[in-house]
Amino acid sequence: MMGEIKKEHIIMLDRLMHLFYKRMSKFNVDLDSKYFQGVTSIELSILGIAGENPDVILKEIAERLQAPASTLTNAVDRLEKRNLLTRSISKRDRRSFGLILTDEGRKLYQEHEKAEQITWNKILDTLESDEEIELFLSLMEKIAEGIK
């Protein structure tokens, strides 16, 4: 920690964050579109992990998301009720459940991924070099790790 934060830095961050949010909301791609409405970020994360790792078990998803088992169970229950995934006995560990995306679940996750890729490309495209991108990502990682 570097000590007391200067008031002008707080004011500048506030202005920039509001500007950032305003500009993000103007993107043609809306991550919270009607298609995604009602699906939480943890639910999208679960769909993504299950879609990319067909043999993953619930315990591994909980560890990866750093989420309590009860939170994960509730999210999986909601996804199952909406016919976005199904539970199945894991082929790797018969004592555990795995998750299988339904066609609708796979479609939802693919649409979300497509929207994210467009958004992330728009953000990174504002930078002028690989060095700027790497610095930006390094600082974002430092911030994300520091505000646990």
C-alpha atoms as a PDB file:
ATOM      1  CA  MET A   1       0.000   0.000   0.000  1.00  0.00           C
ATOM      2  CA  MET A   2       1.366   3.392  -0.945  1.00  0.00           C
ATOM      3  CA  GLY A   3      -0.295   5.486   1.765  1.00  0.00           C
ATOM      4  CA  GLU A   4      -2.991   8.107   1.528  1.00  0.00           C
ATOM      5  CA  ILE A   5      -4.574   8.514  -1.893  1.00  0.00           C
ATOM      6  CA  LYS A   6      -4.636  12.051  -3.277  1.00  0.00           C
ATOM      7  CA  LYS A   7      -8.064  13.659  -3.585  1.00  0.00           C
ATOM      8  CA  GLU A   8      -7.394  14.666  -7.212  1.00  0.00           C
ATOM      9  CA  HIS A   9      -6.722  11.004  -8.055  1.00  0.00           C
ATOM     10  CA  ILE A  10     -10.057   9.992  -6.534  1.00  0.00           C
ATOM     11  CA  ILE A  11     -11.824  12.741  -8.517  1.00  0.00           C
ATOM     12  CA  MET A  12     -10.091  11.687 -11.745  1.00  0.00           C
ATOM     13  CA  LEU A  13     -10.904   7.997 -11.180  1.00  0.00           C
ATOM     14  CA  ASP A  14     -14.527   8.872 -10.470  1.00  0.00           C
ATOM     15  CA  ARG A  15     -14.777  10.923 -13.680  1.00  0.00           C
ATOM     16  CA  LEU A  16     -13.059   8.239 -15.764  1.00  0.00           C
ATOM     17  CA  MET A  17     -15.151   5.395 -14.363  1.00  0.00           C
ATOM     18  CA  HIS A  18     -18.381   7.267 -15.096  1.00  0.00           C
ATOM     19  CA  LEU A  19     -17.165   8.054 -18.616  1.00  0.00           C
ATOM     20  CA  PHE A  20     -16.123   4.427 -19.089  1.00  0.00           C
ATOM     21  CA  TYR A  21     -19.548   3.127 -17.992  1.00  0.00           C
ATOM     22  CA  LYS A  22     -21.331   5.667 -20.198  1.00  0.00           C
ATOM     23  CA  ARG A  23     -19.301   4.708 -23.270  1.00  0.00           C
ATOM     24  CA  MET A  24     -19.647   0.988 -22.568  1.00  0.00           C
ATOM     25  CA  SER A  25     -23.417   1.347 -22.469  1.00  0.00           C
ATOM     26  CA  LYS A  26     -23.351   2.812 -25.993  1.00  0.00           C
ATOM     27  CA  PHE A  27     -21.770  -0.293 -27.521  1.00  0.00           C
ATOM     28  CA  ASN A  28     -23.956  -2.086 -30.019  1.00  0.00           C
ATOM     29  CA  VAL A  29     -23.208  -5.297 -28.131  1.00  0.00           C
ATOM     30  CA  ASP A  30     -25.106  -5.371 -24.868  1.00  0.00           C
ATOM     31  CA  LEU A  31     -23.930  -8.043 -22.442  1.00  0.00           C
ATOM     32  CA  ASP A  32     -27.132  -7.610 -20.458  1.00  0.00           C
ATOM     33  CA  SER A  33     -29.457  -7.911 -23.433  1.00  0.00           C
ATOM     34  CA  LYS A  34     -32.866  -9.504 -23.108  1.00  0.00           C
ATOM     35  CA  TYR A  35     -31.361 -12.825 -24.151  1.00  0.00           C
ATOM     36  CA  PHE A  36     -29.092 -12.817 -21.072  1.00  0.00           C
ATOM     37  CA  GLN A  37     -31.587 -11.158 -18.748  1.00  0.00           C
ATOM     38  CA  GLY A  38     -31.958 -13.050 -15.507  1.00  0.00           C
ATOM     39  CA  VAL A  39     -28.754 -15.053 -15.979  1.00  0.00           C
ATOM     40  CA  THR A  40     -26.192 -14.061 -13.374  1.00  0.00           C
ATOM     41  CA  SER A  41     -22.469 -13.828 -13.970  1.00  0.00           C
ATOM     42  CA  ILE A  42     -21.857 -16.938 -11.840  1.00  0.00           C
ATOM     43  CA  GLU A  43     -24.405 -18.833 -13.937  1.00  0.00           C
ATOM     44  CA  LEU A  44     -22.662 -17.742 -17.140  1.00  0.00           C
ATOM     45  CA  SER A  45     -19.349 -18.806 -15.618  1.00  0.00           C
ATOM     46  CA  ILE A  46     -20.789 -22.225 -14.772  1.00  0.00           C
ATOM     47  CA  LEU A  47     -22.096 -22.625 -18.321  1.00  0.00           C
ATOM     48  CA  GLY A  48     -18.699 -21.671 -19.700  1.00  0.00           C
ATOM     49  CA  ILE A  49     -16.720 -24.013 -17.476  1.00  0.00           C
ATOM     50  CA  ALA A  50     -19.097 -26.902 -18.137  1.00  0.00           C
ATOM     51  CA  GLY A  51     -19.109 -26.215 -21.870  1.00  0.00           C
ATOM     52  CA  GLU A  52     -15.324 -26.030 -22.152  1.00  0.00           C
ATOM     53  CA  ASN A  53     -14.608 -28.935 -19.771  1.00  0.00           C
ATOM     54  CA  PRO A  54     -17.079 -31.767 -20.366  1.00  0.00           C
ATOM     55  CA  ASP A  55     -15.622 -33.926 -17.572  1.00  0.00           C
ATOM     56  CA  VAL A  56     -15.571 -31.197 -14.898  1.00  0.00           C
ATOM     57  CA  ILE A  57     -17.249 -31.989 -11.586  1.00  0.00           C
ATOM     58  CA  LEU A  58     -19.125 -29.594  -9.306  1.00  0.00           C
ATOM     59  CA  LYS A  59     -16.316 -29.521  -6.740  1.00  0.00           C
ATOM     60  CA  GLU A  60     -13.850 -28.324  -9.403  1.00  0.00           C
ATOM     61  CA  ILE A  61     -16.243 -25.611 -10.547  1.00  0.00           C
ATOM     62  CA  ALA A  62     -16.656 -24.408  -6.945  1.00  0.00           C
ATOM     63  CA  GLU A  63     -12.869 -24.261  -6.521  1.00  0.00           C
ATOM     64  CA  ARG A  64     -12.339 -22.467  -9.813  1.00  0.00           C
ATOM     65  CA  LEU A  65     -15.011 -19.863  -9.072  1.00  0.00           C
ATOM     66  CA  GLN A  66     -14.034 -19.645  -5.406  1.00  0.00           C
ATOM     67  CA  ALA A  67     -17.710 -20.015  -4.587  1.00  0.00           C
ATOM     68  CA  PRO A  68     -19.301 -21.802  -1.627  1.00  0.00           C
ATOM     69  CA  ALA A  69     -20.963 -25.117  -2.448  1.00  0.00           C
ATOM     70  CA  SER A  70     -24.383 -23.718  -1.487  1.00  0.00           C
ATOM     71  CA  THR A  71     -24.031 -20.813  -3.952  1.00  0.00           C
ATOM     72  CA  LEU A  72     -22.986 -23.188  -6.711  1.00  0.00           C
ATOM     73  CA  THR A  73     -25.823 -25.612  -5.946  1.00  0.00           C
ATOM     74  CA  ASN A  74     -28.405 -22.805  -6.065  1.00  0.00           C
ATOM     75  CA  ALA A  75     -27.001 -21.511  -9.371  1.00  0.00           C
ATOM     76  CA  VAL A  76     -26.987 -25.010 -10.892  1.00  0.00           C
ATOM     77  CA  ASP A  77     -30.567 -25.556  -9.695  1.00  0.00           C
ATOM     78  CA  ARG A  78     -31.644 -22.340 -11.458  1.00  0.00           C
ATOM     79  CA  LEU A  79     -29.829 -23.309 -14.657  1.00  0.00           C
ATOM     80  CA  GLU A  80     -31.370 -26.770 -14.584  1.00  0.00           C
ATOM     81  CA  LYS A  81     -34.889 -25.332 -14.074  1.00  0.00           C
ATOM     82  CA  ARG A  82     -34.373 -23.131 -17.139  1.00  0.00           C
ATOM     83  CA  ASN A  83     -33.275 -26.151 -19.167  1.00  0.00           C
ATOM     84  CA  LEU A  84     -29.780 -24.723 -19.743  1.00  0.00           C
ATOM     85  CA  LEU A  85     -27.928 -27.710 -18.278  1.00  0.00           C
ATOM     86  CA  THR A  86     -28.443 -31.108 -16.680  1.00  0.00           C
ATOM     87  CA  ARG A  87     -26.615 -32.903 -13.888  1.00  0.00           C
ATOM     88  CA  SER A  88     -25.129 -36.303 -14.562  1.00  0.00           C
ATOM     89  CA  ILE A  89     -23.033 -38.764 -12.600  1.00  0.00           C
ATOM     90  CA  SER A  90     -19.407 -38.033 -13.441  1.00  0.00           C
ATOM     91  CA  LYS A  91     -17.603 -40.655 -15.512  1.00  0.00           C
ATOM     92  CA  ARG A  92     -14.331 -39.736 -13.748  1.00  0.00           C
ATOM     93  CA  ASP A  93     -15.671 -39.754 -10.197  1.00  0.00           C
ATOM     94  CA  ARG A  94     -18.916 -41.669  -9.776  1.00  0.00           C
ATOM     95  CA  ARG A  95     -19.430 -40.040  -6.351  1.00  0.00           C
ATOM     96  CA  SER A  96     -19.746 -36.608  -7.985  1.00  0.00           C
ATOM     97  CA  PHE A  97     -21.998 -34.824 -10.416  1.00  0.00           C
ATOM     98  CA  GLY A  98     -20.895 -33.390 -13.713  1.00  0.00           C
ATOM     99  CA  LEU A  99     -22.818 -30.870 -15.789  1.00  0.00           C
ATOM    100  CA  ILE A 100     -23.947 -31.197 -19.376  1.00  0.00           C
ATOM    101  CA  LEU A 101     -25.114 -28.165 -21.334  1.00  0.00           C
ATOM    102  CA  THR A 102     -28.390 -28.460 -23.174  1.00  0.00           C
ATOM    103  CA  ASP A 103     -28.598 -27.074 -26.708  1.00  0.00           C
ATOM    104  CA  GLU A 104     -30.180 -23.921 -25.274  1.00  0.00           C
ATOM    105  CA  GLY A 105     -27.435 -23.627 -22.647  1.00  0.00           C
ATOM    106  CA  ARG A 106     -24.715 -24.001 -25.274  1.00  0.00           C
ATOM    107  CA  LYS A 107     -26.412 -21.408 -27.490  1.00  0.00           C
ATOM    108  CA  LEU A 108     -26.717 -18.929 -24.594  1.00  0.00           C
ATOM    109  CA  TYR A 109     -23.078 -19.340 -23.622  1.00  0.00           C
ATOM    110  CA  GLN A 110     -21.847 -19.026 -27.213  1.00  0.00           C
ATOM    111  CA  GLU A 111     -23.842 -15.814 -27.684  1.00  0.00           C
ATOM    112  CA  HIS A 112     -22.424 -14.440 -24.441  1.00  0.00           C
ATOM    113  CA  GLU A 113     -18.869 -15.340 -25.486  1.00  0.00           C
ATOM    114  CA  LYS A 114     -19.366 -13.668 -28.863  1.00  0.00           C
ATOM    115  CA  ALA A 115     -20.650 -10.488 -27.199  1.00  0.00           C
ATOM    116  CA  GLU A 116     -17.737 -10.476 -24.758  1.00  0.00           C
ATOM    117  CA  GLN A 117     -15.157 -10.945 -27.515  1.00  0.00           C
ATOM    118  CA  ILE A 118     -16.548  -7.955 -29.415  1.00  0.00           C
ATOM    119  CA  THR A 119     -16.531  -5.849 -26.240  1.00  0.00           C
ATOM    120  CA  TRP A 120     -13.005  -6.838 -25.184  1.00  0.00           C
ATOM    121  CA  ASN A 121     -11.731  -6.190 -28.713  1.00  0.00           C
ATOM    122  CA  LYS A 122     -13.267  -2.708 -28.673  1.00  0.00           C
ATOM    123  CA  ILE A 123     -11.579  -1.945 -25.357  1.00  0.00           C
ATOM    124  CA  LEU A 124      -8.144  -3.273 -26.300  1.00  0.00           C
ATOM    125  CA  ASP A 125      -8.323  -1.680 -29.750  1.00  0.00           C
ATOM    126  CA  THR A 126      -8.197   1.761 -28.099  1.00  0.00           C
ATOM    127  CA  LEU A 127      -4.596   1.067 -27.066  1.00  0.00           C
ATOM    128  CA  GLU A 128      -1.766   1.692 -29.503  1.00  0.00           C
ATOM    129  CA  SER A 129       0.676  -1.176 -28.964  1.00  0.00           C
ATOM    130  CA  ASP A 130       1.172  -4.604 -27.455  1.00  0.00           C
ATOM    131  CA  GLU A 131       3.171  -2.901 -24.703  1.00  0.00           C
ATOM    132  CA  GLU A 132       0.204  -0.696 -23.771  1.00  0.00           C
ATOM    133  CA  ILE A 133      -2.115  -3.706 -23.813  1.00  0.00           C
ATOM    134  CA  GLU A 134       0.247  -5.691 -21.601  1.00  0.00           C
ATOM    135  CA  LEU A 135       0.605  -2.765 -19.174  1.00  0.00           C
ATOM    136  CA  PHE A 136      -3.171  -2.285 -19.048  1.00  0.00           C
ATOM    137  CA  LEU A 137      -3.781  -5.987 -18.405  1.00  0.00           C
ATOM    138  CA  SER A 138      -1.039  -6.119 -15.791  1.00  0.00           C
ATOM    139  CA  LEU A 139      -2.542  -3.155 -13.935  1.00  0.00           C
ATOM    140  CA  MET A 140      -6.060  -4.597 -14.199  1.00  0.00           C
ATOM    141  CA  GLU A 141      -4.792  -7.869 -12.738  1.00  0.00           C
ATOM    142  CA  LYS A 142      -3.060  -6.019  -9.902  1.00  0.00           C
ATOM    143  CA  ILE A 143      -6.256  -4.100  -9.118  1.00  0.00           C
ATOM    144  CA  ALA A 144      -8.418  -7.231  -9.270  1.00  0.00           C
ATOM    145  CA  GLU A 145      -6.063  -9.087  -6.940  1.00  0.00           C
ATOM    146  CA  GLY A 146      -5.762  -6.099  -4.602  1.00  0.00           C
ATOM    147  CA  ILE A 147      -9.487  -5.537  -4.040  1.00  0.00           C
ATOM    148  CA  LYS A 148     -10.362  -9.038  -2.867  1.00  0.00           C
END
